[in-house]
Amino acid sequence: MAENNRISAIFSRNLRRFRTEKKLTQEELAERVGVSNQVISRYELGKMNPSFDTLEKISEVLFVEVYRFFIDEQNSVRVISEQNLDETGRKMLAVLQSSQIAPKYKIER
């Protein structure tokens, strides 16, 4: 579960950054994505993770490729232990592995 928490924290931090870079409020993003502003707030606080359909919508609205939400700019190389991931974490890992940033991640199996 620690891996899931770290990935969720990276996502939350990046979502807030991308949203504010586009000068959108949580309410504006929520309206464009089709969720409530409370849901966007929960995403940004790391209390909730979006479905993949919602993640795609957020990506489209913010003009940010999905994989960029999972880049941890604070560390250049991350070690991810696949055995510690739940289903959502494994799906997020698949996004990372299929992206241009895969070399920045070392996957332990």
PDB file of N, CA and C in Angstrom:
ATOM      1  N   MET A   1       0.811  -1.201   0.000  1.00  0.00           N
ATOM      2  CA  MET A   1       0.000   0.000   0.000  1.00  0.00           C
ATOM      3  C   MET A   1       0.854   1.265   0.000  1.00  0.00           C
ATOM      4  N   ALA A   2       2.098   1.189   0.460  1.00  0.00           N
ATOM      5  CA  ALA A   2       2.964   2.361   0.473  1.00  0.00           C
ATOM      6  C   ALA A   2       3.193   2.877  -0.939  1.00  0.00           C
ATOM      7  N   GLU A   3       3.356   1.977  -1.900  1.00  0.00           N
ATOM      8  CA  GLU A   3       3.533   2.376  -3.299  1.00  0.00           C
ATOM      9  C   GLU A   3       2.302   3.118  -3.798  1.00  0.00           C
ATOM     10  N   ASN A   4       1.119   2.606  -3.473  1.00  0.00           N
ATOM     11  CA  ASN A   4      -0.119   3.272  -3.891  1.00  0.00           C
ATOM     12  C   ASN A   4      -0.197   4.673  -3.304  1.00  0.00           C
ATOM     13  N   ASN A   5       0.181   4.824  -2.033  1.00  0.00           N
ATOM     14  CA  ASN A   5       0.140   6.134  -1.388  1.00  0.00           C
ATOM     15  C   ASN A   5       1.105   7.101  -2.052  1.00  0.00           C
ATOM     16  N   ARG A   6       2.279   6.628  -2.410  1.00  0.00           N
ATOM     17  CA  ARG A   6       3.275   7.488  -3.057  1.00  0.00           C
ATOM     18  C   ARG A   6       2.797   7.905  -4.436  1.00  0.00           C
ATOM     19  N   ILE A   7       2.262   6.972  -5.210  1.00  0.00           N
ATOM     20  CA  ILE A   7       1.750   7.291  -6.544  1.00  0.00           C
ATOM     21  C   ILE A   7       0.571   8.253  -6.428  1.00  0.00           C
ATOM     22  N   SER A   8      -0.301   8.028  -5.465  1.00  0.00           N
ATOM     23  CA  SER A   8      -1.443   8.908  -5.251  1.00  0.00           C
ATOM     24  C   SER A   8      -0.986  10.317  -4.878  1.00  0.00           C
ATOM     25  N   ALA A   9       0.029  10.426  -4.049  1.00  0.00           N
ATOM     26  CA  ALA A   9       0.562  11.734  -3.647  1.00  0.00           C
ATOM     27  C   ALA A   9       1.157  12.473  -4.840  1.00  0.00           C
ATOM     28  N   ILE A  10       1.863  11.739  -5.694  1.00  0.00           N
ATOM     29  CA  ILE A  10       2.442  12.343  -6.902  1.00  0.00           C
ATOM     30  C   ILE A  10       1.315  12.847  -7.798  1.00  0.00           C
ATOM     31  N   PHE A  11       0.298  12.001  -7.993  1.00  0.00           N
ATOM     32  CA  PHE A  11      -0.844  12.403  -8.818  1.00  0.00           C
ATOM     33  C   PHE A  11      -1.506  13.662  -8.254  1.00  0.00           C
ATOM     34  N   SER A  12      -1.774  13.679  -6.963  1.00  0.00           N
ATOM     35  CA  SER A  12      -2.456  14.807  -6.328  1.00  0.00           C
ATOM     36  C   SER A  12      -1.679  16.102  -6.507  1.00  0.00           C
ATOM     37  N   ARG A  13      -0.392  16.035  -6.255  1.00  0.00           N
ATOM     38  CA  ARG A  13       0.481  17.208  -6.382  1.00  0.00           C
ATOM     39  C   ARG A  13       0.485  17.727  -7.825  1.00  0.00           C
ATOM     40  N   ASN A  14       0.593  16.816  -8.779  1.00  0.00           N
ATOM     41  CA  ASN A  14       0.637  17.216 -10.185  1.00  0.00           C
ATOM     42  C   ASN A  14      -0.709  17.737 -10.678  1.00  0.00           C
ATOM     43  N   LEU A  15      -1.793  17.128 -10.233  1.00  0.00           N
ATOM     44  CA  LEU A  15      -3.118  17.610 -10.635  1.00  0.00           C
ATOM     45  C   LEU A  15      -3.281  19.068 -10.226  1.00  0.00           C
ATOM     46  N   ARG A  16      -2.960  19.367  -8.994  1.00  0.00           N
ATOM     47  CA  ARG A  16      -3.083  20.750  -8.503  1.00  0.00           C
ATOM     48  C   ARG A  16      -2.185  21.678  -9.323  1.00  0.00           C
ATOM     49  N   ARG A  17      -0.960  21.252  -9.582  1.00  0.00           N
ATOM     50  CA  ARG A  17      -0.019  22.085 -10.336  1.00  0.00           C
ATOM     51  C   ARG A  17      -0.522  22.348 -11.745  1.00  0.00           C
ATOM     52  N   PHE A  18      -0.956  21.305 -12.449  1.00  0.00           N
ATOM     53  CA  PHE A  18      -1.445  21.482 -13.819  1.00  0.00           C
ATOM     54  C   PHE A  18      -2.707  22.350 -13.852  1.00  0.00           C
ATOM     55  N   ARG A  19      -3.582  22.147 -12.879  1.00  0.00           N
ATOM     56  CA  ARG A  19      -4.811  22.947 -12.836  1.00  0.00           C
ATOM     57  C   ARG A  19      -4.491  24.418 -12.627  1.00  0.00           C
ATOM     58  N   THR A  20      -3.616  24.707 -11.672  1.00  0.00           N
ATOM     59  CA  THR A  20      -3.291  26.105 -11.396  1.00  0.00           C
ATOM     60  C   THR A  20      -2.485  26.732 -12.534  1.00  0.00           C
ATOM     61  N   GLU A  21      -1.657  25.946 -13.209  1.00  0.00           N
ATOM     62  CA  GLU A  21      -0.932  26.464 -14.377  1.00  0.00           C
ATOM     63  C   GLU A  21      -1.895  26.900 -15.483  1.00  0.00           C
ATOM     64  N   LYS A  22      -3.019  26.197 -15.592  1.00  0.00           N
ATOM     65  CA  LYS A  22      -4.047  26.546 -16.587  1.00  0.00           C
ATOM     66  C   LYS A  22      -4.990  27.625 -16.066  1.00  0.00           C
ATOM     67  N   LYS A  23      -4.715  28.085 -14.833  1.00  0.00           N
ATOM     68  CA  LYS A  23      -5.518  29.137 -14.200  1.00  0.00           C
ATOM     69  C   LYS A  23      -6.994  28.763 -14.071  1.00  0.00           C
ATOM     70  N   LEU A  24      -7.223  27.503 -13.723  1.00  0.00           N
ATOM     71  CA  LEU A  24      -8.576  27.015 -13.497  1.00  0.00           C
ATOM     72  C   LEU A  24      -8.808  26.828 -12.005  1.00  0.00           C
ATOM     73  N   THR A  25     -10.008  27.142 -11.555  1.00  0.00           N
ATOM     74  CA  THR A  25     -10.390  26.831 -10.176  1.00  0.00           C
ATOM     75  C   THR A  25     -10.800  25.361 -10.124  1.00  0.00           C
ATOM     76  N   GLN A  26     -10.933  24.840  -8.925  1.00  0.00           N
ATOM     77  CA  GLN A  26     -11.433  23.475  -8.783  1.00  0.00           C
ATOM     78  C   GLN A  26     -12.834  23.382  -9.366  1.00  0.00           C
ATOM     79  N   GLU A  27     -13.625  24.406  -9.166  1.00  0.00           N
ATOM     80  CA  GLU A  27     -15.001  24.416  -9.665  1.00  0.00           C
ATOM     81  C   GLU A  27     -15.023  24.367 -11.202  1.00  0.00           C
ATOM     82  N   GLU A  28     -14.158  25.158 -11.833  1.00  0.00           N
ATOM     83  CA  GLU A  28     -14.108  25.183 -13.301  1.00  0.00           C
ATOM     84  C   GLU A  28     -13.667  23.838 -13.868  1.00  0.00           C
ATOM     85  N   LEU A  29     -12.638  23.252 -13.259  1.00  0.00           N
ATOM     86  CA  LEU A  29     -12.177  21.943 -13.711  1.00  0.00           C
ATOM     87  C   LEU A  29     -13.277  20.904 -13.514  1.00  0.00           C
ATOM     88  N   ALA A  30     -13.908  20.929 -12.364  1.00  0.00           N
ATOM     89  CA  ALA A  30     -14.972  19.968 -12.063  1.00  0.00           C
ATOM     90  C   ALA A  30     -16.087  20.055 -13.095  1.00  0.00           C
ATOM     91  N   GLU A  31     -16.504  21.266 -13.427  1.00  0.00           N
ATOM     92  CA  GLU A  31     -17.583  21.444 -14.396  1.00  0.00           C
ATOM     93  C   GLU A  31     -17.200  20.880 -15.763  1.00  0.00           C
ATOM     94  N   ARG A  32     -15.971  21.131 -16.178  1.00  0.00           N
ATOM     95  CA  ARG A  32     -15.523  20.648 -17.496  1.00  0.00           C
ATOM     96  C   ARG A  32     -15.350  19.141 -17.541  1.00  0.00           C
ATOM     97  N   VAL A  33     -15.006  18.553 -16.396  1.00  0.00           N
ATOM     98  CA  VAL A  33     -14.795  17.104 -16.317  1.00  0.00           C
ATOM     99  C   VAL A  33     -16.105  16.364 -16.077  1.00  0.00           C
ATOM    100  N   GLY A  34     -17.065  17.042 -15.423  1.00  0.00           N
ATOM    101  CA  GLY A  34     -18.344  16.408 -15.141  1.00  0.00           C
ATOM    102  C   GLY A  34     -18.412  15.763 -13.777  1.00  0.00           C
ATOM    103  N   VAL A  35     -17.664  16.338 -12.815  1.00  0.00           N
ATOM    104  CA  VAL A  35     -17.708  15.874 -11.430  1.00  0.00           C
ATOM    105  C   VAL A  35     -17.929  17.105 -10.548  1.00  0.00           C
ATOM    106  N   SER A  36     -18.110  16.883  -9.262  1.00  0.00           N
ATOM    107  CA  SER A  36     -18.300  18.015  -8.346  1.00  0.00           C
ATOM    108  C   SER A  36     -16.941  18.605  -7.961  1.00  0.00           C
ATOM    109  N   ASN A  37     -16.969  19.851  -7.496  1.00  0.00           N
ATOM    110  CA  ASN A  37     -15.716  20.456  -7.047  1.00  0.00           C
ATOM    111  C   ASN A  37     -15.178  19.754  -5.800  1.00  0.00           C
ATOM    112  N   GLN A  38     -16.072  19.136  -5.012  1.00  0.00           N
ATOM    113  CA  GLN A  38     -15.609  18.371  -3.852  1.00  0.00           C
ATOM    114  C   GLN A  38     -14.778  17.166  -4.290  1.00  0.00           C
ATOM    115  N   VAL A  39     -15.144  16.571  -5.416  1.00  0.00           N
ATOM    116  CA  VAL A  39     -14.379  15.430  -5.930  1.00  0.00           C
ATOM    117  C   VAL A  39     -12.985  15.888  -6.345  1.00  0.00           C
ATOM    118  N   ILE A  40     -12.896  16.998  -7.049  1.00  0.00           N
ATOM    119  CA  ILE A  40     -11.582  17.527  -7.446  1.00  0.00           C
ATOM    120  C   ILE A  40     -10.752  17.834  -6.202  1.00  0.00           C
ATOM    121  N   SER A  41     -11.375  18.417  -5.207  1.00  0.00           N
ATOM    122  CA  SER A  41     -10.677  18.704  -3.953  1.00  0.00           C
ATOM    123  C   SER A  41     -10.132  17.425  -3.326  1.00  0.00           C
ATOM    124  N   ARG A  42     -10.949  16.385  -3.301  1.00  0.00           N
ATOM    125  CA  ARG A  42     -10.512  15.105  -2.719  1.00  0.00           C
ATOM    126  C   ARG A  42      -9.360  14.492  -3.522  1.00  0.00           C
ATOM    127  N   TYR A  43      -9.388  14.643  -4.853  1.00  0.00           N
ATOM    128  CA  TYR A  43      -8.258  14.176  -5.677  1.00  0.00           C
ATOM    129  C   TYR A  43      -6.984  14.918  -5.284  1.00  0.00           C
ATOM    130  N   GLU A  44      -7.098  16.235  -5.172  1.00  0.00           N
ATOM    131  CA  GLU A  44      -5.918  17.049  -4.884  1.00  0.00           C
ATOM    132  C   GLU A  44      -5.399  16.851  -3.466  1.00  0.00           C
ATOM    133  N   LEU A  45      -6.252  16.444  -2.562  1.00  0.00           N
ATOM    134  CA  LEU A  45      -5.833  16.158  -1.185  1.00  0.00           C
ATOM    135  C   LEU A  45      -5.345  14.721  -1.019  1.00  0.00           C
ATOM    136  N   GLY A  46      -5.456  13.918  -2.075  1.00  0.00           N
ATOM    137  CA  GLY A  46      -5.031  12.524  -2.001  1.00  0.00           C
ATOM    138  C   GLY A  46      -5.989  11.636  -1.242  1.00  0.00           C
ATOM    139  N   LYS A  47      -7.226  12.089  -1.067  1.00  0.00           N
ATOM    140  CA  LYS A  47      -8.222  11.308  -0.331  1.00  0.00           C
ATOM    141  C   LYS A  47      -9.039  10.411  -1.248  1.00  0.00           C
ATOM    142  N   MET A  48      -8.865  10.601  -2.538  1.00  0.00           N
ATOM    143  CA  MET A  48      -9.655   9.845  -3.514  1.00  0.00           C
ATOM    144  C   MET A  48      -8.880   9.825  -4.826  1.00  0.00           C
ATOM    145  N   ASN A  49      -8.988   8.735  -5.563  1.00  0.00           N
ATOM    146  CA  ASN A  49      -8.349   8.639  -6.867  1.00  0.00           C
ATOM    147  C   ASN A  49      -9.417   8.552  -7.952  1.00  0.00           C
ATOM    148  N   PRO A  50      -9.154   9.167  -9.105  1.00  0.00           N
ATOM    149  CA  PRO A  50     -10.145   9.133 -10.180  1.00  0.00           C
ATOM    150  C   PRO A  50     -10.183   7.768 -10.863  1.00  0.00           C
ATOM    151  N   SER A  51     -11.312   7.482 -11.488  1.00  0.00           N
ATOM    152  CA  SER A  51     -11.372   6.309 -12.360  1.00  0.00           C
ATOM    153  C   SER A  51     -10.521   6.635 -13.584  1.00  0.00           C
ATOM    154  N   PHE A  52     -10.227   5.637 -14.394  1.00  0.00           N
ATOM    155  CA  PHE A  52      -9.432   5.898 -15.588  1.00  0.00           C
ATOM    156  C   PHE A  52     -10.208   6.733 -16.598  1.00  0.00           C
ATOM    157  N   ASP A  53     -11.518   6.576 -16.656  1.00  0.00           N
ATOM    158  CA  ASP A  53     -12.327   7.424 -17.540  1.00  0.00           C
ATOM    159  C   ASP A  53     -12.243   8.882 -17.103  1.00  0.00           C
ATOM    160  N   THR A  54     -12.342   9.115 -15.809  1.00  0.00           N
ATOM    161  CA  THR A  54     -12.254  10.479 -15.295  1.00  0.00           C
ATOM    162  C   THR A  54     -10.849  11.036 -15.488  1.00  0.00           C
ATOM    163  N   LEU A  55      -9.843  10.212 -15.281  1.00  0.00           N
ATOM    164  CA  LEU A  55      -8.468  10.640 -15.498  1.00  0.00           C
ATOM    165  C   LEU A  55      -8.264  11.079 -16.947  1.00  0.00           C
ATOM    166  N   GLU A  56      -8.821  10.338 -17.890  1.00  0.00           N
ATOM    167  CA  GLU A  56      -8.737  10.727 -19.299  1.00  0.00           C
ATOM    168  C   GLU A  56      -9.400  12.074 -19.542  1.00  0.00           C
ATOM    169  N   LYS A  57     -10.564  12.299 -18.922  1.00  0.00           N
ATOM    170  CA  LYS A  57     -11.261  13.584 -19.082  1.00  0.00           C
ATOM    171  C   LYS A  57     -10.431  14.724 -18.512  1.00  0.00           C
ATOM    172  N   ILE A  58      -9.856  14.510 -17.331  1.00  0.00           N
ATOM    173  CA  ILE A  58      -9.007  15.531 -16.716  1.00  0.00           C
ATOM    174  C   ILE A  58      -7.825  15.835 -17.638  1.00  0.00           C
ATOM    175  N   SER A  59      -7.229  14.786 -18.163  1.00  0.00           N
ATOM    176  CA  SER A  59      -6.101  14.929 -19.076  1.00  0.00           C
ATOM    177  C   SER A  59      -6.467  15.772 -20.297  1.00  0.00           C
ATOM    178  N   GLU A  60      -7.632  15.500 -20.871  1.00  0.00           N
ATOM    179  CA  GLU A  60      -8.097  16.245 -22.046  1.00  0.00           C
ATOM    180  C   GLU A  60      -8.360  17.707 -21.709  1.00  0.00           C
ATOM    181  N   VAL A  61      -9.013  17.960 -20.590  1.00  0.00           N
ATOM    182  CA  VAL A  61      -9.348  19.329 -20.191  1.00  0.00           C
ATOM    183  C   VAL A  61      -8.081  20.147 -19.928  1.00  0.00           C
ATOM    184  N   LEU A  62      -7.091  19.531 -19.285  1.00  0.00           N
ATOM    185  CA  LEU A  62      -5.865  20.249 -18.933  1.00  0.00           C
ATOM    186  C   LEU A  62      -4.799  20.189 -20.032  1.00  0.00           C
ATOM    187  N   PHE A  63      -5.073  19.453 -21.107  1.00  0.00           N
ATOM    188  CA  PHE A  63      -4.105  19.286 -22.205  1.00  0.00           C
ATOM    189  C   PHE A  63      -2.770  18.747 -21.687  1.00  0.00           C
ATOM    190  N   VAL A  64      -2.875  17.711 -20.857  1.00  0.00           N
ATOM    191  CA  VAL A  64      -1.704  17.072 -20.257  1.00  0.00           C
ATOM    192  C   VAL A  64      -1.825  15.577 -20.514  1.00  0.00           C
ATOM    193  N   GLU A  65      -0.768  14.958 -21.039  1.00  0.00           N
ATOM    194  CA  GLU A  65      -0.814  13.517 -21.255  1.00  0.00           C
ATOM    195  C   GLU A  65      -0.922  12.805 -19.910  1.00  0.00           C
ATOM    196  N   VAL A  66      -1.671  11.719 -19.897  1.00  0.00           N
ATOM    197  CA  VAL A  66      -1.971  11.008 -18.650  1.00  0.00           C
ATOM    198  C   VAL A  66      -0.706  10.662 -17.869  1.00  0.00           C
ATOM    199  N   TYR A  67       0.312  10.186 -18.538  1.00  0.00           N
ATOM    200  CA  TYR A  67       1.506   9.737 -17.817  1.00  0.00           C
ATOM    201  C   TYR A  67       2.153  10.867 -17.020  1.00  0.00           C
ATOM    202  N   ARG A  68       1.979  12.109 -17.441  1.00  0.00           N
ATOM    203  CA  ARG A  68       2.624  13.235 -16.756  1.00  0.00           C
ATOM    204  C   ARG A  68       2.086  13.452 -15.345  1.00  0.00           C
ATOM    205  N   PHE A  69       0.886  12.966 -15.076  1.00  0.00           N
ATOM    206  CA  PHE A  69       0.336  13.085 -13.726  1.00  0.00           C
ATOM    207  C   PHE A  69       1.122  12.229 -12.729  1.00  0.00           C
ATOM    208  N   PHE A  70       1.887  11.266 -13.217  1.00  0.00           N
ATOM    209  CA  PHE A  70       2.575  10.314 -12.346  1.00  0.00           C
ATOM    210  C   PHE A  70       4.089  10.506 -12.309  1.00  0.00           C
ATOM    211  N   ILE A  71       4.571  11.616 -12.854  1.00  0.00           N
ATOM    212  CA  ILE A  71       6.000  11.924 -12.798  1.00  0.00           C
ATOM    213  C   ILE A  71       6.302  12.599 -11.475  1.00  0.00           C
ATOM    214  N   ASP A  72       7.242  12.045 -10.761  1.00  0.00           N
ATOM    215  CA  ASP A  72       7.679  12.635  -9.499  1.00  0.00           C
ATOM    216  C   ASP A  72       8.905  13.481  -9.802  1.00  0.00           C
ATOM    217  N   GLU A  73       8.704  14.763  -9.961  1.00  0.00           N
ATOM    218  CA  GLU A  73       9.807  15.638 -10.326  1.00  0.00           C
ATOM    219  C   GLU A  73      10.784  15.850  -9.177  1.00  0.00           C
ATOM    220  N   GLN A  74      10.440  15.430  -7.993  1.00  0.00           N
ATOM    221  CA  GLN A  74      11.339  15.582  -6.850  1.00  0.00           C
ATOM    222  C   GLN A  74      12.443  14.528  -6.862  1.00  0.00           C
ATOM    223  N   ASN A  75      12.247  13.460  -7.599  1.00  0.00           N
ATOM    224  CA  ASN A  75      13.237  12.379  -7.669  1.00  0.00           C
ATOM    225  C   ASN A  75      13.408  11.959  -9.110  1.00  0.00           C
ATOM    226  N   SER A  76      14.649  11.775  -9.537  1.00  0.00           N
ATOM    227  CA  SER A  76      14.873  11.440 -10.941  1.00  0.00           C
ATOM    228  C   SER A  76      14.653   9.951 -11.226  1.00  0.00           C
ATOM    229  N   VAL A  77      14.879   9.088 -10.255  1.00  0.00           N
ATOM    230  CA  VAL A  77      14.658   7.652 -10.458  1.00  0.00           C
ATOM    231  C   VAL A  77      13.846   7.128  -9.274  1.00  0.00           C
ATOM    232  N   ARG A  78      12.807   6.399  -9.575  1.00  0.00           N
ATOM    233  CA  ARG A  78      11.957   5.818  -8.536  1.00  0.00           C
ATOM    234  C   ARG A  78      11.984   4.306  -8.659  1.00  0.00           C
ATOM    235  N   VAL A  79      12.020   3.641  -7.519  1.00  0.00           N
ATOM    236  CA  VAL A  79      11.936   2.193  -7.486  1.00  0.00           C
ATOM    237  C   VAL A  79      10.520   1.846  -7.045  1.00  0.00           C
ATOM    238  N   ILE A  80       9.857   1.049  -7.857  1.00  0.00           N
ATOM    239  CA  ILE A  80       8.491   0.647  -7.555  1.00  0.00           C
ATOM    240  C   ILE A  80       8.462  -0.868  -7.410  1.00  0.00           C
ATOM    241  N   SER A  81       7.955  -1.325  -6.285  1.00  0.00           N
ATOM    242  CA  SER A  81       7.822  -2.743  -6.049  1.00  0.00           C
ATOM    243  C   SER A  81       6.429  -3.182  -6.488  1.00  0.00           C
ATOM    244  N   GLU A  82       6.379  -3.937  -7.576  1.00  0.00           N
ATOM    245  CA  GLU A  82       5.102  -4.349  -8.151  1.00  0.00           C
ATOM    246  C   GLU A  82       4.280  -5.193  -7.186  1.00  0.00           C
ATOM    247  N   GLN A  83       4.928  -5.967  -6.361  1.00  0.00           N
ATOM    248  CA  GLN A  83       4.194  -6.851  -5.454  1.00  0.00           C
ATOM    249  C   GLN A  83       3.432  -6.092  -4.380  1.00  0.00           C
ATOM    250  N   ASN A  84       3.774  -4.825  -4.139  1.00  0.00           N
ATOM    251  CA  ASN A  84       3.087  -4.029  -3.123  1.00  0.00           C
ATOM    252  C   ASN A  84       1.919  -3.232  -3.669  1.00  0.00           C
ATOM    253  N   LEU A  85       1.598  -3.400  -4.942  1.00  0.00           N
ATOM    254  CA  LEU A  85       0.549  -2.608  -5.567  1.00  0.00           C
ATOM    255  C   LEU A  85      -0.776  -3.355  -5.604  1.00  0.00           C
ATOM    256  N   ASP A  86      -1.862  -2.614  -5.424  1.00  0.00           N
ATOM    257  CA  ASP A  86      -3.180  -3.195  -5.624  1.00  0.00           C
ATOM    258  C   ASP A  86      -3.543  -3.035  -7.108  1.00  0.00           C
ATOM    259  N   GLU A  87      -4.759  -3.362  -7.471  1.00  0.00           N
ATOM    260  CA  GLU A  87      -5.166  -3.329  -8.885  1.00  0.00           C
ATOM    261  C   GLU A  87      -5.005  -1.940  -9.502  1.00  0.00           C
ATOM    262  N   THR A  88      -5.430  -0.905  -8.785  1.00  0.00           N
ATOM    263  CA  THR A  88      -5.305   0.463  -9.296  1.00  0.00           C
ATOM    264  C   THR A  88      -3.839   0.834  -9.466  1.00  0.00           C
ATOM    265  N   GLY A  89      -3.038   0.481  -8.499  1.00  0.00           N
ATOM    266  CA  GLY A  89      -1.599   0.755  -8.590  1.00  0.00           C
ATOM    267  C   GLY A  89      -0.965   0.065  -9.779  1.00  0.00           C
ATOM    268  N   ARG A  90      -1.371  -1.170 -10.050  1.00  0.00           N
ATOM    269  CA  ARG A  90      -0.825  -1.900 -11.208  1.00  0.00           C
ATOM    270  C   ARG A  90      -1.249  -1.234 -12.522  1.00  0.00           C
ATOM    271  N   LYS A  91      -2.483  -0.714 -12.570  1.00  0.00           N
ATOM    272  CA  LYS A  91      -2.928  -0.002 -13.768  1.00  0.00           C
ATOM    273  C   LYS A  91      -2.117   1.275 -13.967  1.00  0.00           C
ATOM    274  N   MET A  92      -1.876   1.991 -12.864  1.00  0.00           N
ATOM    275  CA  MET A  92      -1.061   3.205 -12.953  1.00  0.00           C
ATOM    276  C   MET A  92       0.361   2.866 -13.392  1.00  0.00           C
ATOM    277  N   LEU A  93       0.888   1.761 -12.877  1.00  0.00           N
ATOM    278  CA  LEU A  93       2.214   1.315 -13.263  1.00  0.00           C
ATOM    279  C   LEU A  93       2.270   0.999 -14.753  1.00  0.00           C
ATOM    280  N   ALA A  94       1.219   0.393 -15.286  1.00  0.00           N
ATOM    281  CA  ALA A  94       1.168   0.092 -16.718  1.00  0.00           C
ATOM    282  C   ALA A  94       1.232   1.375 -17.535  1.00  0.00           C
ATOM    283  N   VAL A  95       0.577   2.434 -17.059  1.00  0.00           N
ATOM    284  CA  VAL A  95       0.648   3.730 -17.740  1.00  0.00           C
ATOM    285  C   VAL A  95       2.088   4.223 -17.739  1.00  0.00           C
ATOM    286  N   LEU A  96       2.760   4.127 -16.603  1.00  0.00           N
ATOM    287  CA  LEU A  96       4.148   4.567 -16.514  1.00  0.00           C
ATOM    288  C   LEU A  96       5.047   3.773 -17.456  1.00  0.00           C
ATOM    289  N   GLN A  97       4.856   2.461 -17.473  1.00  0.00           N
ATOM    290  CA  GLN A  97       5.716   1.612 -18.288  1.00  0.00           C
ATOM    291  C   GLN A  97       5.525   1.858 -19.780  1.00  0.00           C
ATOM    292  N   SER A  98       4.334   2.264 -20.174  1.00  0.00           N
ATOM    293  CA  SER A  98       4.075   2.475 -21.597  1.00  0.00           C
ATOM    294  C   SER A  98       4.404   3.902 -22.031  1.00  0.00           C
ATOM    295  N   SER A  99       4.867   4.717 -21.117  1.00  0.00           N
ATOM    296  CA  SER A  99       5.118   6.121 -21.429  1.00  0.00           C
ATOM    297  C   SER A  99       6.582   6.376 -21.746  1.00  0.00           C
ATOM    298  N   GLN A 100       6.856   7.606 -22.068  1.00  0.00           N
ATOM    299  CA  GLN A 100       8.205   8.047 -22.371  1.00  0.00           C
ATOM    300  C   GLN A 100       9.064   8.151 -21.125  1.00  0.00           C
ATOM    301  N   ILE A 101       8.468   8.101 -19.955  1.00  0.00           N
ATOM    302  CA  ILE A 101       9.242   8.275 -18.726  1.00  0.00           C
ATOM    303  C   ILE A 101       9.666   6.954 -18.102  1.00  0.00           C
ATOM    304  N   ALA A 102       9.330   5.844 -18.737  1.00  0.00           N
ATOM    305  CA  ALA A 102       9.646   4.532 -18.165  1.00  0.00           C
ATOM    306  C   ALA A 102      11.100   4.408 -17.721  1.00  0.00           C
ATOM    307  N   PRO A 103      12.080   4.971 -18.442  1.00  0.00           N
ATOM    308  CA  PRO A 103      13.467   4.847 -17.969  1.00  0.00           C
ATOM    309  C   PRO A 103      13.726   5.465 -16.605  1.00  0.00           C
ATOM    310  N   LYS A 104      12.841   6.343 -16.140  1.00  0.00           N
ATOM    311  CA  LYS A 104      13.023   6.950 -14.829  1.00  0.00           C
ATOM    312  C   LYS A 104      12.527   6.067 -13.703  1.00  0.00           C
ATOM    313  N   TYR A 105      11.939   4.910 -14.055  1.00  0.00           N
ATOM    314  CA  TYR A 105      11.385   4.014 -13.057  1.00  0.00           C
ATOM    315  C   TYR A 105      12.040   2.659 -13.145  1.00  0.00           C
ATOM    316  N   LYS A 106      12.470   2.160 -12.025  1.00  0.00           N
ATOM    317  CA  LYS A 106      12.991   0.811 -11.938  1.00  0.00           C
ATOM    318  C   LYS A 106      11.899  -0.035 -11.312  1.00  0.00           C
ATOM    319  N   ILE A 107      11.479  -1.066 -11.996  1.00  0.00           N
ATOM    320  CA  ILE A 107      10.395  -1.922 -11.528  1.00  0.00           C
ATOM    321  C   ILE A 107      10.983  -3.171 -10.881  1.00  0.00           C
ATOM    322  N   GLU A 108      10.660  -3.389  -9.616  1.00  0.00           N
ATOM    323  CA  GLU A 108      11.070  -4.618  -8.925  1.00  0.00           C
ATOM    324  C   GLU A 108       9.942  -5.614  -9.012  1.00  0.00           C
ATOM    325  N   ARG A 109      10.248  -6.803  -9.417  1.00  0.00           N
ATOM    326  CA  ARG A 109       9.230  -7.843  -9.540  1.00  0.00           C
ATOM    327  C   ARG A 109       9.451  -8.922  -8.497  1.00  0.00           C
TER     328      ARG A 109
END
